[in-house]
Amino acid sequence: MNRDPDYAIRLEKAIAEKYGEKTVLNPHSQWTPEKEKKYLRELKSIYTGEGSLEKEKEEHNGFLVSEKLINLSKKKYCNTCDTYRPELYNRMYFIKFDCCKKCFIQFVEFREERWHKGWRPKGEIKKCR
């Protein structure tokens, strides 16, 4: 154990210099009365059942799963090229980008931000082979 009384202060300064001032802030210093009221409202809605997540979930093979996820995982047609893609590896692309793997490579890869903002290819798209 270090007996130097200024050790903690020097350590805190070193951490702040290396990682930034936010790393040594007391979490209570950022808490406001508005945040407290919002937190209490959310907590109350969870306990009263108003904000219950179970409304959005349905039982699937003994587990509660989001209805949205079940519907997306059943999807097999690409919205971009309108090609039937039943392969399992395409599901990730369907869920995240709403297209098949080949359309992801051709239109989305390296342009994810633009794709998520709503850009889609214009004109007639040839079916991916």
Protein backbone atom coordinates (compact mmCIF):
# COMPACT_ATOMS: atom_id res chain seq x y z
CA MET A 1 0.00 0.00 0.00
CA ASN A 2 1.30 3.40 -0.95
CA ARG A 3 1.63 5.85 1.97
CA ASP A 4 2.00 8.97 -0.19
CA PRO A 5 -1.06 11.21 0.53
CA ASP A 6 -0.90 12.83 -2.92
CA TYR A 7 -0.76 9.53 -4.81
CA ALA A 8 -4.48 9.48 -5.62
CA ILE A 9 -4.40 13.06 -6.89
CA ARG A 10 -1.40 12.41 -9.13
CA LEU A 11 -2.95 9.20 -10.40
CA GLU A 12 -6.21 11.00 -11.24
CA LYS A 13 -4.31 13.73 -13.10
CA ALA A 14 -2.34 11.14 -15.09
CA ILE A 15 -5.54 9.31 -16.06
CA ALA A 16 -7.20 12.60 -17.08
CA GLU A 17 -4.22 13.56 -19.24
CA LYS A 18 -4.08 10.19 -20.95
CA TYR A 19 -7.80 9.43 -21.40
CA GLY A 20 -9.53 12.83 -21.09
CA GLU A 21 -11.38 14.73 -18.38
CA LYS A 22 -14.59 12.68 -18.68
CA THR A 23 -12.84 9.59 -17.30
CA VAL A 24 -12.30 11.15 -13.88
CA LEU A 25 -15.67 12.94 -13.50
CA ASN A 26 -17.98 11.93 -10.70
CA PRO A 27 -21.11 10.44 -12.34
CA HIS A 28 -23.29 12.35 -9.89
CA SER A 29 -22.00 15.67 -11.27
CA GLN A 30 -23.78 15.01 -14.60
CA TRP A 31 -27.10 14.01 -12.99
CA THR A 32 -29.81 16.71 -13.18
CA PRO A 33 -33.32 16.96 -11.69
CA GLU A 34 -34.75 16.52 -15.21
CA LYS A 35 -32.80 13.28 -15.67
CA GLU A 36 -34.04 12.10 -12.27
CA LYS A 37 -37.68 12.77 -13.21
CA LYS A 38 -37.26 11.00 -16.55
CA TYR A 39 -35.61 8.03 -14.86
CA LEU A 40 -38.41 7.75 -12.30
CA ARG A 41 -41.10 7.94 -15.03
CA GLU A 42 -39.38 5.16 -17.02
CA LEU A 43 -38.96 3.06 -13.89
CA LYS A 44 -42.63 3.51 -12.99
CA SER A 45 -43.76 2.58 -16.52
CA ILE A 46 -41.71 -0.62 -16.42
CA TYR A 47 -43.17 -1.69 -13.07
CA THR A 48 -46.76 -0.81 -14.00
CA GLY A 49 -46.50 -2.70 -17.30
CA GLU A 50 -47.00 0.33 -19.55
CA GLY A 51 -43.49 0.06 -20.97
CA SER A 52 -43.45 -3.71 -21.01
CA LEU A 53 -41.33 -5.32 -23.68
CA GLU A 54 -43.46 -8.45 -23.72
CA LYS A 55 -46.05 -6.70 -25.90
CA GLU A 56 -43.51 -6.57 -28.72
CA LYS A 57 -42.31 -10.14 -28.24
CA GLU A 58 -43.85 -13.45 -29.14
CA GLU A 59 -42.97 -16.97 -28.08
CA HIS A 60 -40.95 -18.89 -30.64
CA ASN A 61 -39.49 -22.34 -29.82
CA GLY A 62 -39.85 -21.65 -26.09
CA PHE A 63 -38.16 -18.22 -26.16
CA LEU A 64 -39.54 -14.68 -26.24
CA VAL A 65 -38.35 -13.19 -29.51
CA SER A 66 -39.04 -9.81 -31.06
CA GLU A 67 -41.82 -10.06 -33.63
CA LYS A 68 -39.80 -7.83 -35.95
CA LEU A 69 -36.84 -10.24 -35.85
CA ILE A 70 -39.03 -13.26 -36.63
CA ASN A 71 -40.56 -11.51 -39.64
CA LEU A 72 -37.16 -10.42 -40.97
CA SER A 73 -35.60 -13.85 -40.54
CA LYS A 74 -38.39 -15.40 -42.65
CA LYS A 75 -37.76 -12.96 -45.47
CA LYS A 76 -36.28 -14.54 -48.57
CA TYR A 77 -36.72 -11.97 -51.37
CA CYS A 78 -34.25 -9.17 -51.88
CA ASN A 79 -35.94 -5.74 -52.07
CA THR A 80 -33.21 -4.41 -54.35
CA CYS A 81 -32.98 -7.08 -57.05
CA ASP A 82 -36.22 -8.99 -56.22
CA THR A 83 -34.40 -12.32 -56.33
CA TYR A 84 -35.32 -15.30 -54.17
CA ARG A 85 -32.45 -15.97 -51.71
CA PRO A 86 -33.24 -18.79 -49.26
CA GLU A 87 -29.62 -19.29 -48.14
CA LEU A 88 -28.92 -18.90 -44.44
CA TYR A 89 -25.92 -16.60 -44.95
CA ASN A 90 -28.17 -14.05 -46.70
CA ARG A 91 -30.29 -13.54 -43.57
CA MET A 92 -27.71 -11.28 -41.96
CA TYR A 93 -27.82 -8.98 -45.00
CA PHE A 94 -31.63 -9.10 -45.09
CA ILE A 95 -31.88 -8.17 -41.40
CA LYS A 96 -29.28 -5.40 -41.38
CA PHE A 97 -29.44 -3.96 -44.91
CA ASP A 98 -32.74 -5.27 -46.36
CA CYS A 99 -30.93 -6.82 -49.34
CA CYS A 100 -29.10 -10.00 -50.34
CA LYS A 101 -25.34 -10.54 -50.10
CA LYS A 102 -24.73 -9.86 -53.79
CA CYS A 103 -26.62 -6.55 -53.65
CA PHE A 104 -24.72 -5.70 -50.47
CA ILE A 105 -21.41 -6.21 -52.28
CA GLN A 106 -22.54 -4.28 -55.36
CA PHE A 107 -24.43 -1.36 -53.77
CA VAL A 108 -23.92 -1.16 -49.99
CA GLU A 109 -20.35 -2.15 -49.15
CA PHE A 110 -18.28 0.93 -48.23
CA ARG A 111 -21.48 3.03 -48.55
CA GLU A 112 -23.34 1.86 -45.43
CA GLU A 113 -23.98 5.36 -44.10
CA ARG A 114 -25.57 6.48 -47.37
CA TRP A 115 -27.62 3.24 -47.53
CA HIS A 116 -28.95 3.71 -43.99
CA LYS A 117 -29.97 7.29 -44.89
CA GLY A 118 -32.27 5.86 -47.57
CA TRP A 119 -30.30 5.82 -50.82
CA ARG A 120 -31.24 3.00 -53.20
CA PRO A 121 -30.07 2.32 -56.78
CA LYS A 122 -32.21 3.94 -59.45
CA GLY A 123 -33.48 2.40 -62.65
CA GLU A 124 -33.94 -1.23 -63.62
CA ILE A 125 -31.65 -3.52 -61.67
CA LYS A 126 -30.56 -6.76 -63.25
CA LYS A 127 -31.27 -9.80 -61.13
CA CYS A 128 -28.20 -10.97 -59.27
CA ARG A 129 -27.02 -14.38 -60.33
